[in-house]
N, C-alpha and C. Protein backbone atom coordinates (compact mmCIF):
# COMPACT_ATOMS: atom_id res chain seq x y z
N MET A 1 0.83 -1.18 0.00
CA MET A 1 0.00 0.00 0.00
C MET A 1 0.88 1.24 0.00
N LEU A 2 0.38 2.27 -0.63
CA LEU A 2 1.12 3.54 -0.69
C LEU A 2 0.69 4.44 0.47
N TYR A 3 1.68 4.94 1.20
CA TYR A 3 1.45 5.90 2.27
C TYR A 3 2.14 7.20 1.88
N VAL A 4 1.63 8.30 2.42
CA VAL A 4 2.18 9.62 2.11
C VAL A 4 3.01 10.09 3.30
N ILE A 5 4.24 10.50 3.01
CA ILE A 5 5.11 11.07 4.04
C ILE A 5 5.21 12.56 3.78
N TRP A 6 4.94 13.33 4.81
CA TRP A 6 5.02 14.78 4.72
C TRP A 6 6.36 15.21 5.27
N VAL A 7 7.11 15.95 4.46
CA VAL A 7 8.45 16.41 4.87
C VAL A 7 8.56 17.91 4.64
N GLN A 8 9.66 18.49 5.12
CA GLN A 8 9.90 19.91 4.91
C GLN A 8 10.03 20.20 3.42
N SER A 9 9.34 21.25 2.97
CA SER A 9 9.45 21.65 1.57
C SER A 9 10.89 22.06 1.27
N ARG A 10 11.28 21.80 0.06
CA ARG A 10 12.62 22.06 -0.47
C ARG A 10 13.70 21.16 0.14
N ARG A 11 13.29 20.18 0.94
CA ARG A 11 14.25 19.24 1.53
C ARG A 11 13.90 17.81 1.12
N GLU A 12 13.02 17.67 0.13
CA GLU A 12 12.53 16.35 -0.27
C GLU A 12 13.64 15.43 -0.77
N HIS A 13 14.55 15.96 -1.61
CA HIS A 13 15.63 15.13 -2.15
C HIS A 13 16.57 14.66 -1.05
N ASP A 14 16.88 15.56 -0.11
CA ASP A 14 17.75 15.18 1.02
C ASP A 14 17.08 14.11 1.86
N PHE A 15 15.79 14.29 2.12
CA PHE A 15 15.07 13.33 2.94
C PHE A 15 15.03 11.96 2.27
N LYS A 16 14.80 11.94 0.96
CA LYS A 16 14.75 10.66 0.25
C LYS A 16 16.10 9.94 0.35
N ALA A 17 17.19 10.68 0.22
CA ALA A 17 18.53 10.08 0.33
C ALA A 17 18.75 9.50 1.73
N VAL A 18 18.35 10.23 2.76
CA VAL A 18 18.48 9.74 4.14
C VAL A 18 17.59 8.52 4.35
N PHE A 19 16.38 8.55 3.83
CA PHE A 19 15.46 7.42 3.95
C PHE A 19 16.08 6.17 3.34
N GLU A 20 16.58 6.29 2.11
CA GLU A 20 17.17 5.12 1.44
C GLU A 20 18.42 4.62 2.16
N ARG A 21 19.14 5.52 2.79
CA ARG A 21 20.35 5.13 3.51
C ARG A 21 20.04 4.47 4.86
N ASP A 22 19.06 5.02 5.59
CA ASP A 22 18.82 4.60 6.97
C ASP A 22 17.74 3.55 7.17
N ILE A 23 16.81 3.43 6.23
CA ILE A 23 15.70 2.49 6.41
C ILE A 23 16.01 1.18 5.68
N ASP A 24 15.87 0.10 6.39
CA ASP A 24 16.11 -1.23 5.83
C ASP A 24 15.12 -1.48 4.69
N ASN A 25 15.66 -1.80 3.51
CA ASN A 25 14.79 -1.95 2.33
C ASN A 25 13.92 -3.20 2.37
N THR A 26 13.99 -3.97 3.42
CA THR A 26 13.08 -5.12 3.53
C THR A 26 11.73 -4.71 4.09
N ILE A 27 11.61 -3.49 4.66
CA ILE A 27 10.31 -3.08 5.22
C ILE A 27 9.53 -2.15 4.29
N TYR A 28 10.09 -1.85 3.12
CA TYR A 28 9.35 -1.07 2.14
C TYR A 28 9.71 -1.55 0.74
N SER A 29 8.78 -1.38 -0.20
CA SER A 29 9.01 -1.80 -1.58
C SER A 29 9.68 -0.71 -2.40
N ARG A 30 9.17 0.53 -2.24
CA ARG A 30 9.73 1.65 -2.98
C ARG A 30 9.40 2.96 -2.29
N ILE A 31 10.25 3.94 -2.52
CA ILE A 31 10.02 5.30 -2.03
C ILE A 31 10.00 6.19 -3.27
N LEU A 32 8.94 7.00 -3.39
CA LEU A 32 8.77 7.83 -4.58
C LEU A 32 8.82 9.31 -4.24
N LEU A 33 9.64 10.02 -4.94
CA LEU A 33 9.63 11.47 -4.96
C LEU A 33 9.23 11.80 -6.39
N ILE A 34 7.95 12.08 -6.59
CA ILE A 34 7.40 12.18 -7.94
C ILE A 34 7.71 13.55 -8.53
N THR A 35 8.31 13.52 -9.72
CA THR A 35 8.64 14.74 -10.43
C THR A 35 7.84 14.82 -11.73
N ARG A 36 7.84 16.01 -12.31
CA ARG A 36 7.16 16.21 -13.58
C ARG A 36 8.10 16.94 -14.52
N MET A 37 7.98 16.62 -15.79
CA MET A 37 8.76 17.32 -16.81
C MET A 37 7.87 18.40 -17.41
N GLU A 38 8.46 19.54 -17.67
CA GLU A 38 7.72 20.60 -18.35
C GLU A 38 8.69 21.39 -19.20
N LYS A 39 8.14 22.10 -20.16
CA LYS A 39 8.95 22.93 -21.04
C LYS A 39 8.88 24.37 -20.55
N GLN A 40 10.06 24.99 -20.48
CA GLN A 40 10.13 26.40 -20.11
C GLN A 40 10.78 27.18 -21.22
N LYS A 41 10.28 28.38 -21.40
CA LYS A 41 10.82 29.24 -22.43
C LYS A 41 12.24 29.65 -22.07
N HIS A 42 13.10 29.60 -23.05
CA HIS A 42 14.50 29.94 -22.90
C HIS A 42 14.86 30.84 -24.07
N LYS A 43 15.97 31.51 -24.00
CA LYS A 43 16.33 32.45 -25.08
C LYS A 43 16.43 31.78 -26.44
N ASP A 44 16.75 30.50 -26.48
CA ASP A 44 16.89 29.78 -27.75
C ASP A 44 15.67 28.92 -28.07
N GLY A 45 14.58 29.09 -27.37
CA GLY A 45 13.38 28.28 -27.59
C GLY A 45 12.87 27.73 -26.27
N TYR A 46 12.59 26.45 -26.23
CA TYR A 46 12.10 25.82 -25.01
C TYR A 46 13.08 24.75 -24.56
N ILE A 47 13.24 24.63 -23.24
CA ILE A 47 14.06 23.57 -22.66
C ILE A 47 13.18 22.77 -21.70
N GLU A 48 13.52 21.50 -21.52
CA GLU A 48 12.79 20.66 -20.58
C GLU A 48 13.43 20.78 -19.21
N VAL A 49 12.60 20.98 -18.20
CA VAL A 49 13.06 21.05 -16.82
C VAL A 49 12.24 20.07 -15.98
N GLU A 50 12.83 19.64 -14.88
CA GLU A 50 12.18 18.70 -13.98
C GLU A 50 11.81 19.42 -12.69
N LYS A 51 10.55 19.29 -12.26
CA LYS A 51 10.06 19.92 -11.04
C LYS A 51 9.28 18.89 -10.23
N LEU A 52 9.09 19.18 -8.95
CA LEU A 52 8.33 18.28 -8.10
C LEU A 52 6.84 18.36 -8.43
N LEU A 53 6.19 17.21 -8.48
CA LEU A 53 4.75 17.17 -8.72
C LEU A 53 4.00 17.47 -7.42
N PHE A 54 4.48 16.94 -6.31
CA PHE A 54 3.87 17.14 -4.99
C PHE A 54 4.92 17.68 -4.04
N PRO A 55 5.18 18.99 -4.04
CA PRO A 55 6.19 19.53 -3.13
C PRO A 55 5.84 19.22 -1.67
N GLY A 56 6.82 18.75 -0.92
CA GLY A 56 6.61 18.44 0.49
C GLY A 56 6.10 17.04 0.78
N TYR A 57 5.92 16.23 -0.27
CA TYR A 57 5.37 14.89 -0.07
C TYR A 57 6.23 13.83 -0.77
N LEU A 58 6.40 12.71 -0.09
CA LEU A 58 6.99 11.51 -0.67
C LEU A 58 5.99 10.39 -0.47
N PHE A 59 6.10 9.36 -1.27
CA PHE A 59 5.21 8.22 -1.19
C PHE A 59 6.06 6.99 -0.91
N VAL A 60 5.63 6.19 0.05
CA VAL A 60 6.34 4.96 0.37
C VAL A 60 5.36 3.80 0.26
N GLU A 61 5.81 2.75 -0.43
CA GLU A 61 5.00 1.55 -0.55
C GLU A 61 5.49 0.57 0.50
N THR A 62 4.63 0.27 1.47
CA THR A 62 5.02 -0.58 2.59
C THR A 62 3.81 -1.24 3.23
N ASP A 63 4.07 -2.29 3.97
CA ASP A 63 3.06 -2.91 4.81
C ASP A 63 3.34 -2.62 6.28
N ASN A 64 4.40 -1.83 6.54
CA ASN A 64 4.85 -1.54 7.91
C ASN A 64 4.98 -0.04 8.17
N PRO A 65 3.90 0.74 8.05
CA PRO A 65 4.03 2.19 8.26
C PRO A 65 4.45 2.55 9.68
N ASP A 66 4.01 1.78 10.68
CA ASP A 66 4.38 2.08 12.07
C ASP A 66 5.88 1.93 12.29
N GLU A 67 6.45 0.89 11.72
CA GLU A 67 7.89 0.66 11.86
C GLU A 67 8.69 1.77 11.17
N ILE A 68 8.25 2.18 10.01
CA ILE A 68 8.92 3.28 9.30
C ILE A 68 8.80 4.56 10.11
N HIS A 69 7.62 4.82 10.66
CA HIS A 69 7.43 6.02 11.48
C HIS A 69 8.39 6.03 12.67
N MET A 70 8.53 4.90 13.33
CA MET A 70 9.42 4.82 14.50
C MET A 70 10.86 5.13 14.10
N LYS A 71 11.29 4.65 12.95
CA LYS A 71 12.67 4.88 12.51
C LYS A 71 12.88 6.32 12.03
N LEU A 72 11.82 6.97 11.54
CA LEU A 72 11.95 8.31 10.97
C LEU A 72 11.74 9.44 11.98
N ARG A 73 11.17 9.14 13.13
CA ARG A 73 10.82 10.19 14.09
C ARG A 73 11.97 11.14 14.42
N SER A 74 13.18 10.64 14.42
CA SER A 74 14.33 11.48 14.80
C SER A 74 14.90 12.29 13.64
N GLN A 75 14.44 12.04 12.42
CA GLN A 75 14.96 12.79 11.27
C GLN A 75 14.46 14.22 11.32
N GLN A 76 15.35 15.18 11.08
CA GLN A 76 14.97 16.58 11.23
C GLN A 76 13.99 17.07 10.18
N ASP A 77 14.00 16.54 8.96
CA ASP A 77 13.11 17.02 7.91
C ASP A 77 11.76 16.29 7.90
N TYR A 78 11.65 15.24 8.69
CA TYR A 78 10.43 14.43 8.73
C TYR A 78 9.36 15.15 9.54
N LEU A 79 8.17 15.24 8.99
CA LEU A 79 7.06 15.82 9.73
C LEU A 79 6.11 14.73 10.20
N LYS A 80 5.57 13.93 9.25
CA LYS A 80 4.72 12.81 9.67
C LYS A 80 4.27 12.00 8.46
N ILE A 81 3.79 10.79 8.75
CA ILE A 81 3.07 10.00 7.76
C ILE A 81 1.62 10.40 7.91
N LEU A 82 0.98 10.75 6.79
CA LEU A 82 -0.40 11.24 6.89
C LEU A 82 -1.33 10.13 7.37
N GLY A 83 -2.20 10.50 8.28
CA GLY A 83 -3.13 9.54 8.84
C GLY A 83 -4.24 10.26 9.58
N ASN A 84 -4.92 9.51 10.47
CA ASN A 84 -6.05 10.06 11.20
C ASN A 84 -6.03 9.46 12.61
N ASP A 85 -6.05 10.32 13.63
CA ASP A 85 -6.07 9.88 15.04
C ASP A 85 -4.95 8.90 15.36
N GLY A 86 -3.75 9.18 14.89
CA GLY A 86 -2.61 8.34 15.21
C GLY A 86 -2.52 7.06 14.39
N GLU A 87 -3.48 6.82 13.52
CA GLU A 87 -3.46 5.62 12.68
C GLU A 87 -3.10 6.04 11.26
N PHE A 88 -2.12 5.38 10.68
CA PHE A 88 -1.67 5.72 9.34
C PHE A 88 -2.63 5.15 8.32
N ILE A 89 -3.05 5.99 7.41
CA ILE A 89 -4.05 5.59 6.42
C ILE A 89 -3.38 5.57 5.05
N PRO A 90 -3.46 4.44 4.35
CA PRO A 90 -2.87 4.40 3.00
C PRO A 90 -3.75 5.18 2.01
N LEU A 91 -3.19 5.46 0.86
CA LEU A 91 -3.99 6.08 -0.20
C LEU A 91 -5.11 5.12 -0.57
N SER A 92 -6.24 5.68 -0.96
CA SER A 92 -7.34 4.83 -1.39
C SER A 92 -6.96 4.15 -2.70
N LYS A 93 -7.71 3.14 -3.05
CA LYS A 93 -7.46 2.41 -4.30
C LYS A 93 -7.49 3.36 -5.50
N ARG A 94 -8.49 4.28 -5.52
CA ARG A 94 -8.61 5.23 -6.62
C ARG A 94 -7.41 6.19 -6.66
N GLU A 95 -6.97 6.66 -5.49
CA GLU A 95 -5.81 7.56 -5.43
C GLU A 95 -4.54 6.85 -5.89
N GLU A 96 -4.37 5.61 -5.45
CA GLU A 96 -3.19 4.84 -5.84
C GLU A 96 -3.21 4.55 -7.34
N GLU A 97 -4.38 4.24 -7.89
CA GLU A 97 -4.49 4.01 -9.33
C GLU A 97 -4.16 5.28 -10.11
N PHE A 98 -4.58 6.44 -9.60
CA PHE A 98 -4.25 7.71 -10.27
C PHE A 98 -2.74 7.93 -10.25
N ILE A 99 -2.11 7.77 -9.09
CA ILE A 99 -0.66 7.98 -8.98
C ILE A 99 0.08 7.02 -9.91
N ASN A 100 -0.26 5.74 -9.86
CA ASN A 100 0.42 4.76 -10.71
C ASN A 100 0.11 4.99 -12.19
N GLY A 101 -1.10 5.42 -12.49
CA GLY A 101 -1.48 5.67 -13.89
C GLY A 101 -0.75 6.85 -14.49
N ILE A 102 -0.67 7.93 -13.74
CA ILE A 102 -0.06 9.15 -14.28
C ILE A 102 1.48 9.04 -14.32
N THR A 103 2.04 8.21 -13.45
CA THR A 103 3.50 8.04 -13.44
C THR A 103 3.95 6.82 -14.22
N GLY A 104 3.03 5.93 -14.57
CA GLY A 104 3.42 4.69 -15.24
C GLY A 104 4.27 3.81 -14.34
N HIS A 105 3.96 3.80 -13.02
CA HIS A 105 4.68 3.02 -12.01
C HIS A 105 6.15 3.44 -11.90
N THR A 106 6.45 4.70 -12.26
CA THR A 106 7.81 5.22 -12.08
C THR A 106 7.71 6.38 -11.09
N ASP A 107 8.69 7.25 -11.09
CA ASP A 107 8.65 8.41 -10.20
C ASP A 107 8.65 9.72 -10.99
N ARG A 108 8.19 9.65 -12.26
CA ARG A 108 8.22 10.84 -13.09
C ARG A 108 7.00 10.90 -14.01
N VAL A 109 6.50 12.13 -14.21
CA VAL A 109 5.40 12.37 -15.14
C VAL A 109 5.98 13.13 -16.32
N ASP A 110 6.01 12.48 -17.47
CA ASP A 110 6.57 13.10 -18.66
C ASP A 110 5.56 14.07 -19.29
N ILE A 111 6.01 14.78 -20.30
CA ILE A 111 5.16 15.73 -21.01
C ILE A 111 4.21 14.98 -21.94
N SER A 112 2.96 15.37 -21.91
CA SER A 112 1.95 14.78 -22.79
C SER A 112 1.77 15.66 -24.01
N ARG A 113 1.21 15.08 -25.05
CA ARG A 113 0.88 15.82 -26.27
C ARG A 113 -0.60 15.64 -26.52
N GLY A 114 -1.25 16.74 -26.93
CA GLY A 114 -2.68 16.65 -27.16
C GLY A 114 -3.16 17.67 -28.18
N ILE A 115 -4.45 17.58 -28.46
CA ILE A 115 -5.10 18.52 -29.37
C ILE A 115 -6.37 19.03 -28.69
N ILE A 116 -6.88 20.14 -29.19
CA ILE A 116 -8.15 20.65 -28.72
C ILE A 116 -9.14 20.56 -29.87
N VAL A 117 -10.23 19.82 -29.66
CA VAL A 117 -11.27 19.64 -30.66
C VAL A 117 -12.58 20.14 -30.07
N ASP A 118 -13.16 21.16 -30.71
CA ASP A 118 -14.42 21.75 -30.25
C ASP A 118 -14.36 22.12 -28.76
N GLY A 119 -13.25 22.68 -28.32
CA GLY A 119 -13.11 23.13 -26.95
C GLY A 119 -12.77 22.06 -25.94
N GLU A 120 -12.61 20.81 -26.38
CA GLU A 120 -12.28 19.72 -25.47
C GLU A 120 -10.88 19.20 -25.75
N VAL A 121 -10.16 18.88 -24.69
CA VAL A 121 -8.80 18.38 -24.81
C VAL A 121 -8.83 16.88 -25.08
N LYS A 122 -8.07 16.47 -26.08
CA LYS A 122 -7.88 15.06 -26.38
C LYS A 122 -6.38 14.79 -26.29
N ILE A 123 -5.98 13.91 -25.41
CA ILE A 123 -4.57 13.58 -25.23
C ILE A 123 -4.19 12.51 -26.25
N LEU A 124 -3.17 12.82 -27.04
CA LEU A 124 -2.71 11.88 -28.07
C LEU A 124 -1.69 10.89 -27.51
N SER A 125 -0.80 11.39 -26.66
CA SER A 125 0.22 10.52 -26.08
C SER A 125 0.70 11.12 -24.77
N GLY A 126 1.25 10.26 -23.95
CA GLY A 126 1.80 10.72 -22.67
C GLY A 126 0.97 10.27 -21.48
N PRO A 127 1.45 10.61 -20.29
CA PRO A 127 0.82 10.11 -19.06
C PRO A 127 -0.57 10.67 -18.77
N LEU A 128 -0.96 11.78 -19.38
CA LEU A 128 -2.30 12.33 -19.13
C LEU A 128 -3.38 11.61 -19.93
N SER A 129 -2.97 10.69 -20.80
CA SER A 129 -3.93 9.93 -21.58
C SER A 129 -4.84 9.13 -20.63
N GLY A 130 -6.13 9.35 -20.76
CA GLY A 130 -7.09 8.68 -19.89
C GLY A 130 -7.47 9.52 -18.68
N PHE A 131 -6.79 10.65 -18.47
CA PHE A 131 -7.06 11.51 -17.33
C PHE A 131 -7.56 12.88 -17.76
N GLU A 132 -8.11 12.96 -18.97
CA GLU A 132 -8.61 14.24 -19.49
C GLU A 132 -9.68 14.85 -18.60
N GLN A 133 -10.48 14.03 -17.94
CA GLN A 133 -11.57 14.55 -17.11
C GLN A 133 -11.07 15.36 -15.92
N TYR A 134 -9.82 15.19 -15.53
CA TYR A 134 -9.25 15.93 -14.40
C TYR A 134 -8.69 17.29 -14.80
N ILE A 135 -8.53 17.54 -16.10
CA ILE A 135 -7.94 18.79 -16.56
C ILE A 135 -8.96 19.92 -16.40
N VAL A 136 -8.57 20.96 -15.65
CA VAL A 136 -9.47 22.09 -15.43
C VAL A 136 -8.98 23.36 -16.12
N LYS A 137 -7.70 23.39 -16.48
CA LYS A 137 -7.16 24.59 -17.12
C LYS A 137 -5.94 24.20 -17.95
N ILE A 138 -5.79 24.89 -19.09
CA ILE A 138 -4.63 24.68 -19.94
C ILE A 138 -3.98 26.04 -20.22
N ASP A 139 -2.67 26.08 -20.09
CA ASP A 139 -1.91 27.26 -20.47
C ASP A 139 -1.07 26.86 -21.67
N ARG A 140 -1.56 27.20 -22.86
CA ARG A 140 -0.87 26.77 -24.09
C ARG A 140 0.49 27.42 -24.23
N HIS A 141 0.63 28.65 -23.75
CA HIS A 141 1.91 29.36 -23.90
C HIS A 141 2.98 28.78 -22.98
N LYS A 142 2.59 28.41 -21.77
CA LYS A 142 3.55 27.81 -20.84
C LYS A 142 3.61 26.29 -20.99
N ARG A 143 2.74 25.75 -21.83
CA ARG A 143 2.70 24.31 -22.11
C ARG A 143 2.46 23.48 -20.85
N LYS A 144 1.42 23.86 -20.13
CA LYS A 144 1.07 23.18 -18.89
C LYS A 144 -0.43 22.92 -18.83
N ALA A 145 -0.79 21.90 -18.08
CA ALA A 145 -2.18 21.61 -17.77
C ALA A 145 -2.33 21.57 -16.26
N CYS A 146 -3.42 22.12 -15.78
CA CYS A 146 -3.73 22.09 -14.35
C CYS A 146 -4.80 21.03 -14.15
N LEU A 147 -4.54 20.09 -13.25
CA LEU A 147 -5.47 19.01 -12.96
C LEU A 147 -5.99 19.18 -11.54
N GLU A 148 -7.25 18.85 -11.33
CA GLU A 148 -7.85 18.91 -10.01
C GLU A 148 -8.30 17.51 -9.63
N ILE A 149 -7.74 17.02 -8.51
CA ILE A 149 -8.01 15.65 -8.08
C ILE A 149 -8.23 15.60 -6.58
N GLN A 150 -8.82 14.52 -6.13
CA GLN A 150 -8.97 14.27 -4.70
C GLN A 150 -7.80 13.41 -4.25
N LEU A 151 -6.95 13.99 -3.41
CA LEU A 151 -5.80 13.27 -2.85
C LEU A 151 -5.62 13.68 -1.41
N PHE A 152 -5.17 12.77 -0.58
CA PHE A 152 -4.88 13.01 0.83
C PHE A 152 -6.12 13.55 1.55
N GLY A 153 -7.32 13.19 1.07
CA GLY A 153 -8.54 13.62 1.71
C GLY A 153 -8.96 15.04 1.39
N GLU A 154 -8.35 15.66 0.41
CA GLU A 154 -8.75 17.01 0.02
C GLU A 154 -8.54 17.20 -1.47
N THR A 155 -9.10 18.29 -2.01
CA THR A 155 -8.95 18.58 -3.43
C THR A 155 -7.59 19.24 -3.65
N LYS A 156 -6.81 18.66 -4.54
CA LYS A 156 -5.48 19.18 -4.86
C LYS A 156 -5.44 19.60 -6.31
N ARG A 157 -4.69 20.65 -6.58
CA ARG A 157 -4.41 21.08 -7.95
C ARG A 157 -2.95 20.78 -8.22
N ILE A 158 -2.72 20.04 -9.30
CA ILE A 158 -1.35 19.74 -9.70
C ILE A 158 -1.16 20.20 -11.13
N THR A 159 0.09 20.43 -11.48
CA THR A 159 0.43 20.89 -12.80
C THR A 159 1.25 19.81 -13.51
N ALA A 160 0.95 19.59 -14.77
CA ALA A 160 1.69 18.62 -15.58
C ALA A 160 1.99 19.25 -16.93
N GLY A 161 3.06 18.78 -17.55
CA GLY A 161 3.44 19.29 -18.87
C GLY A 161 2.48 18.79 -19.94
N LEU A 162 1.99 19.72 -20.78
CA LEU A 162 1.09 19.37 -21.87
C LEU A 162 1.37 20.28 -23.05
N GLU A 163 1.71 19.68 -24.15
CA GLU A 163 1.96 20.42 -25.38
C GLU A 163 0.78 20.21 -26.31
N ILE A 164 0.07 21.29 -26.61
CA ILE A 164 -1.05 21.23 -27.55
C ILE A 164 -0.48 21.42 -28.95
N VAL A 165 -0.64 20.40 -29.79
CA VAL A 165 -0.04 20.43 -31.12
C VAL A 165 -1.00 20.92 -32.20
N ALA A 166 -2.31 20.94 -31.91
CA ALA A 166 -3.28 21.44 -32.89
C ALA A 166 -4.56 21.84 -32.16
N LYS A 167 -5.28 22.76 -32.79
CA LYS A 167 -6.56 23.20 -32.25
C LYS A 167 -7.52 23.40 -33.41
N SER A 168 -8.74 22.87 -33.24
CA SER A 168 -9.73 23.06 -34.30
C SER A 168 -11.04 23.54 -33.72
């Protein structure tokens, strides 16, 4: 099951390195720091850059969240594993399917390509394929899509790279 670890913002990469170094890999399957690729305007055109999809959050796949919590309590950047009343709650099946679907079971969301037909977005290729219903806003100039989803028990807005190649 996937659990969400809340850490200090801008310290996610450091925390992931400490986690992988200090936590025995027999008590977890994988630790994810999910990033997204996007295109940014540069003097010579556009360049691809990598940014965090969920700043301040890491995902750990484990059956032992209590044991991980006990080992992480002393880490300075660790805040908590998200839960309710002291009980750690994994992501719901729908949330986990969204995370795995958009990342392709990796830790990165690549840039998608799509078209706009009669005001509706159709994704031709990339990780947003099948998730068009979550897109609430598109910035064609910045080549980004804003998605609105239910995660961690609340509505979250995330940004993903989207290049619109045609509009009719």
